[in-house]
């Protein structure tokens, strides 16, 4: 089984409503993400030195799957379903994303 990391950088469309975005992420989005086969962990970070070109928030999705592209396809399908069900927020502003394959074991 291959291990992957999906990195997603986002901003809040309305910085005055950051807390609302956090609540949506924690109560709605992360549980939805964890239902996608292959996603084993979701971790979020806040950039304490954001600039004009960088995002304020970073989400890392740890994935275990032979084919990460099946997982990304499932994520897109889940996102479309969430949109139809009203489980999305207008506050989420995508900045960038990337997919990484794990090359080495964890070190201490």
Protein backbone atom coordinates (compact mmCIF):
# COMPACT_ATOMS: atom_id res chain seq x y z
CA UNK A 1 0.00 0.00 0.00
CA UNK A 2 1.43 3.38 -0.98
CA UNK A 3 1.27 6.36 1.33
CA UNK A 4 0.43 9.81 0.01
CA UNK A 5 -0.04 13.33 1.27
CA UNK A 6 -2.59 15.66 -0.30
CA UNK A 7 -1.79 19.27 0.55
CA UNK A 8 -4.50 21.92 0.27
CA UNK A 9 -3.95 25.63 0.93
CA UNK A 10 -7.01 27.79 1.58
CA UNK A 11 -8.07 31.19 2.78
CA UNK A 12 -11.30 32.38 4.30
CA UNK A 13 -13.21 34.50 1.78
CA UNK A 14 -14.16 36.80 4.66
CA UNK A 15 -11.38 37.03 7.28
CA UNK A 16 -13.90 38.43 9.75
CA UNK A 17 -15.56 34.99 9.64
CA UNK A 18 -12.52 32.74 10.19
CA UNK A 19 -14.18 31.11 13.22
CA UNK A 20 -17.20 30.16 11.13
CA UNK A 21 -14.90 28.53 8.57
CA UNK A 22 -13.11 26.60 11.35
CA UNK A 23 -16.40 25.33 12.74
CA UNK A 24 -17.53 24.17 9.30
CA UNK A 25 -14.17 22.45 8.73
CA UNK A 26 -14.23 20.64 12.08
CA UNK A 27 -17.91 19.70 12.24
CA UNK A 28 -18.75 19.10 8.58
CA UNK A 29 -15.82 18.97 6.17
CA UNK A 30 -13.34 16.80 8.08
CA UNK A 31 -15.97 14.13 8.91
CA UNK A 32 -16.93 14.13 5.21
CA UNK A 33 -13.28 13.78 4.16
CA UNK A 34 -12.72 10.88 6.52
CA UNK A 35 -15.57 8.98 4.82
CA UNK A 36 -13.60 8.88 1.56
CA UNK A 37 -11.89 5.48 1.20
CA UNK A 38 -8.12 5.82 1.54
CA UNK A 39 -8.06 8.96 3.69
CA UNK A 40 -6.69 8.00 7.09
CA UNK A 41 -5.99 11.36 8.74
CA UNK A 42 -6.74 15.05 8.23
CA UNK A 43 -4.61 17.70 9.94
CA UNK A 44 -5.02 21.47 9.71
CA UNK A 45 -2.51 24.27 10.30
CA UNK A 46 -2.60 28.05 10.38
CA UNK A 47 0.17 30.05 8.73
CA UNK A 48 1.42 32.51 11.34
CA UNK A 49 3.37 34.48 8.72
CA UNK A 50 0.91 34.76 5.81
CA UNK A 51 1.87 36.99 2.93
CA UNK A 52 0.04 38.11 -0.15
CA UNK A 53 1.02 34.99 -2.07
CA UNK A 54 0.62 32.40 0.66
CA UNK A 55 -2.48 30.91 2.16
CA UNK A 56 -3.51 31.40 5.75
CA UNK A 57 -4.60 27.79 6.28
CA UNK A 58 -3.09 24.44 5.31
CA UNK A 59 -4.85 21.09 5.34
CA UNK A 60 -2.92 17.83 5.01
CA UNK A 61 -4.75 14.65 4.07
CA UNK A 62 -2.84 11.44 4.73
CA UNK A 63 -3.82 8.76 2.24
CA UNK A 64 -3.10 5.05 2.05
CA UNK A 65 -3.95 3.67 -1.38
CA UNK A 66 -2.35 1.99 -4.35
CA UNK A 67 -3.80 4.61 -6.69
CA UNK A 68 -4.07 8.12 -5.22
CA UNK A 69 -5.95 9.29 -8.30
CA UNK A 70 -8.90 7.09 -7.35
CA UNK A 71 -8.94 8.89 -4.01
CA UNK A 72 -8.78 12.33 -5.63
CA UNK A 73 -11.64 11.34 -7.95
CA UNK A 74 -13.66 10.22 -4.93
CA UNK A 75 -12.87 13.54 -3.23
CA UNK A 76 -14.21 15.45 -6.24
CA UNK A 77 -17.36 13.33 -6.30
CA UNK A 78 -17.82 13.82 -2.56
CA UNK A 79 -17.38 17.57 -2.97
CA UNK A 80 -20.05 17.70 -5.69
CA UNK A 81 -22.41 15.66 -3.49
CA UNK A 82 -21.75 17.94 -0.50
CA UNK A 83 -22.50 20.97 -2.69
CA UNK A 84 -25.86 19.51 -3.72
CA UNK A 85 -26.68 18.71 -0.07
CA UNK A 86 -25.78 22.21 1.13
CA UNK A 87 -22.75 20.95 3.08
CA UNK A 88 -20.30 23.40 1.48
CA UNK A 89 -19.47 26.94 2.55
CA UNK A 90 -18.95 30.05 0.51
CA UNK A 91 -16.14 30.96 2.92
CA UNK A 92 -13.71 28.35 1.54
CA UNK A 93 -11.30 29.96 -0.93
CA UNK A 94 -8.86 27.51 -2.56
CA UNK A 95 -5.33 28.79 -3.08
CA UNK A 96 -3.42 25.70 -4.20
CA UNK A 97 -3.09 21.97 -3.81
CA UNK A 98 -0.62 19.21 -4.51
CA UNK A 99 -0.24 15.44 -4.20
CA UNK A 100 2.92 13.89 -2.77
CA UNK A 101 4.05 10.27 -2.63
CA UNK A 102 5.81 9.24 0.59
CA UNK A 103 9.41 8.25 -0.08
CA UNK A 104 10.80 7.44 3.36
CA UNK A 105 9.69 6.18 6.72
CA UNK A 106 9.09 8.58 9.61
CA UNK A 107 12.16 9.56 11.59
CA UNK A 108 12.47 10.87 15.12
